[in-house]
Amino acid sequence: MDSILNQGHEEGPVAKAIEKQTAKLPSDTFLWAAVGAMGLSLALQCLRQKHISLFIGQWAAPFLLMGIYNKIVKVEGHD
């Protein structure tokens, strides 16, 4: 079934290089990065640094998405 899904599709050299490097990181690295971004955002809100707090707070979602991508690559592999 995998051959049907991946028919004619191959990852580019940039994606392969990124996957090779990020696969070396533990999956919880991205989770802790997201929690850290939220904590730093909260601290900045308490210090009344609203704009920078909102900017850093928005990093949590991309960190979590990178963690999901990393986990998928580890479980399913790449080309």
C-alpha atoms as a PDB file:
ATOM      1  CA  MET A   1       0.000   0.000   0.000  1.00  0.00           C
ATOM      2  CA  ASP A   2       2.923   2.373   0.678  1.00  0.00           C
ATOM      3  CA  SER A   3       3.982   2.103  -2.951  1.00  0.00           C
ATOM      4  CA  ILE A   4       0.555   3.348  -4.019  1.00  0.00           C
ATOM      5  CA  LEU A   5       0.667   6.344  -1.669  1.00  0.00           C
ATOM      6  CA  ASN A   6       4.251   7.353  -2.515  1.00  0.00           C
ATOM      7  CA  GLN A   7       4.056   6.671  -6.234  1.00  0.00           C
ATOM      8  CA  GLY A   8       6.048   9.310  -8.094  1.00  0.00           C
ATOM      9  CA  HIS A   9       6.840  11.288  -4.950  1.00  0.00           C
ATOM     10  CA  GLU A  10      10.321  11.828  -3.612  1.00  0.00           C
ATOM     11  CA  GLU A  11      11.584  14.266  -1.000  1.00  0.00           C
ATOM     12  CA  GLY A  12      13.968  16.991  -2.097  1.00  0.00           C
ATOM     13  CA  PRO A  13      17.517  17.289  -0.794  1.00  0.00           C
ATOM     14  CA  VAL A  14      16.645  20.122   1.612  1.00  0.00           C
ATOM     15  CA  ALA A  15      13.794  18.160   3.228  1.00  0.00           C
ATOM     16  CA  LYS A  16      15.983  15.072   3.549  1.00  0.00           C
ATOM     17  CA  ALA A  17      18.771  17.083   5.195  1.00  0.00           C
ATOM     18  CA  ILE A  18      16.359  18.717   7.655  1.00  0.00           C
ATOM     19  CA  GLU A  19      14.751  15.387   8.524  1.00  0.00           C
ATOM     20  CA  LYS A  20      18.147  13.778   9.041  1.00  0.00           C
ATOM     21  CA  GLN A  21      19.200  16.484  11.516  1.00  0.00           C
ATOM     22  CA  THR A  22      15.901  16.849  13.394  1.00  0.00           C
ATOM     23  CA  ALA A  23      15.579  13.066  13.787  1.00  0.00           C
ATOM     24  CA  LYS A  24      18.566  13.289  16.141  1.00  0.00           C
ATOM     25  CA  LEU A  25      16.560  15.462  18.573  1.00  0.00           C
ATOM     26  CA  PRO A  26      14.358  13.865  21.219  1.00  0.00           C
ATOM     27  CA  SER A  27      10.679  14.452  20.474  1.00  0.00           C
ATOM     28  CA  ASP A  28      10.085  16.225  23.776  1.00  0.00           C
ATOM     29  CA  THR A  29      12.572  18.962  22.781  1.00  0.00           C
ATOM     30  CA  PHE A  30       9.823  20.625  20.768  1.00  0.00           C
ATOM     31  CA  LEU A  31       7.307  20.222  23.588  1.00  0.00           C
ATOM     32  CA  TRP A  32       9.657  21.919  26.055  1.00  0.00           C
ATOM     33  CA  ALA A  33      10.398  24.678  23.544  1.00  0.00           C
ATOM     34  CA  ALA A  34       6.643  25.351  23.262  1.00  0.00           C
ATOM     35  CA  VAL A  35       6.187  25.335  27.050  1.00  0.00           C
ATOM     36  CA  GLY A  36       9.198  27.654  27.377  1.00  0.00           C
ATOM     37  CA  ALA A  37       7.748  30.065  24.823  1.00  0.00           C
ATOM     38  CA  MET A  38       4.453  30.145  26.704  1.00  0.00           C
ATOM     39  CA  GLY A  39       6.217  30.689  30.033  1.00  0.00           C
ATOM     40  CA  LEU A  40       8.377  33.471  28.636  1.00  0.00           C
ATOM     41  CA  SER A  41       5.299  35.047  27.085  1.00  0.00           C
ATOM     42  CA  LEU A  42       3.530  34.955  30.453  1.00  0.00           C
ATOM     43  CA  ALA A  43       6.519  36.503  32.196  1.00  0.00           C
ATOM     44  CA  LEU A  44       6.682  39.282  29.619  1.00  0.00           C
ATOM     45  CA  GLN A  45       2.951  39.930  30.038  1.00  0.00           C
ATOM     46  CA  CYS A  46       3.527  40.300  33.779  1.00  0.00           C
ATOM     47  CA  LEU A  47       6.293  42.791  33.002  1.00  0.00           C
ATOM     48  CA  ARG A  48       3.858  44.728  30.794  1.00  0.00           C
ATOM     49  CA  GLN A  49       5.795  43.970  27.596  1.00  0.00           C
ATOM     50  CA  LYS A  50       2.655  43.221  25.609  1.00  0.00           C
ATOM     51  CA  HIS A  51       3.967  43.290  22.025  1.00  0.00           C
ATOM     52  CA  ILE A  52       7.040  41.117  22.554  1.00  0.00           C
ATOM     53  CA  SER A  53       4.963  38.802  24.757  1.00  0.00           C
ATOM     54  CA  LEU A  54       2.443  38.234  21.966  1.00  0.00           C
ATOM     55  CA  PHE A  55       5.256  37.699  19.455  1.00  0.00           C
ATOM     56  CA  ILE A  56       6.959  35.039  21.585  1.00  0.00           C
ATOM     57  CA  GLY A  57       3.648  33.456  22.601  1.00  0.00           C
ATOM     58  CA  GLN A  58       2.941  32.717  18.948  1.00  0.00           C
ATOM     59  CA  TRP A  59       6.035  30.493  18.773  1.00  0.00           C
ATOM     60  CA  ALA A  60       4.310  27.716  20.754  1.00  0.00           C
ATOM     61  CA  ALA A  61       2.149  26.440  17.883  1.00  0.00           C
ATOM     62  CA  PRO A  62       5.017  26.183  15.351  1.00  0.00           C
ATOM     63  CA  PHE A  63       7.170  24.367  17.930  1.00  0.00           C
ATOM     64  CA  LEU A  64       4.373  21.850  18.512  1.00  0.00           C
ATOM     65  CA  LEU A  65       3.863  21.397  14.768  1.00  0.00           C
ATOM     66  CA  MET A  66       7.585  20.784  14.303  1.00  0.00           C
ATOM     67  CA  GLY A  67       7.379  18.184  17.071  1.00  0.00           C
ATOM     68  CA  ILE A  68       4.525  16.403  15.313  1.00  0.00           C
ATOM     69  CA  TYR A  69       6.425  16.463  12.029  1.00  0.00           C
ATOM     70  CA  ASN A  70       9.536  15.149  13.784  1.00  0.00           C
ATOM     71  CA  LYS A  71       7.557  12.308  15.351  1.00  0.00           C
ATOM     72  CA  ILE A  72       5.963  11.348  12.023  1.00  0.00           C
ATOM     73  CA  VAL A  73       9.367  11.261  10.327  1.00  0.00           C
ATOM     74  CA  LYS A  74      10.762   9.071  13.110  1.00  0.00           C
ATOM     75  CA  VAL A  75       7.847   6.637  12.996  1.00  0.00           C
ATOM     76  CA  GLU A  76       7.184   6.511   9.260  1.00  0.00           C
ATOM     77  CA  GLY A  77      10.618   7.461   7.994  1.00  0.00           C
ATOM     78  CA  HIS A  78      11.260   9.344   4.793  1.00  0.00           C
ATOM     79  CA  ASP A  79      12.038   8.234   1.247  1.00  0.00           C
END
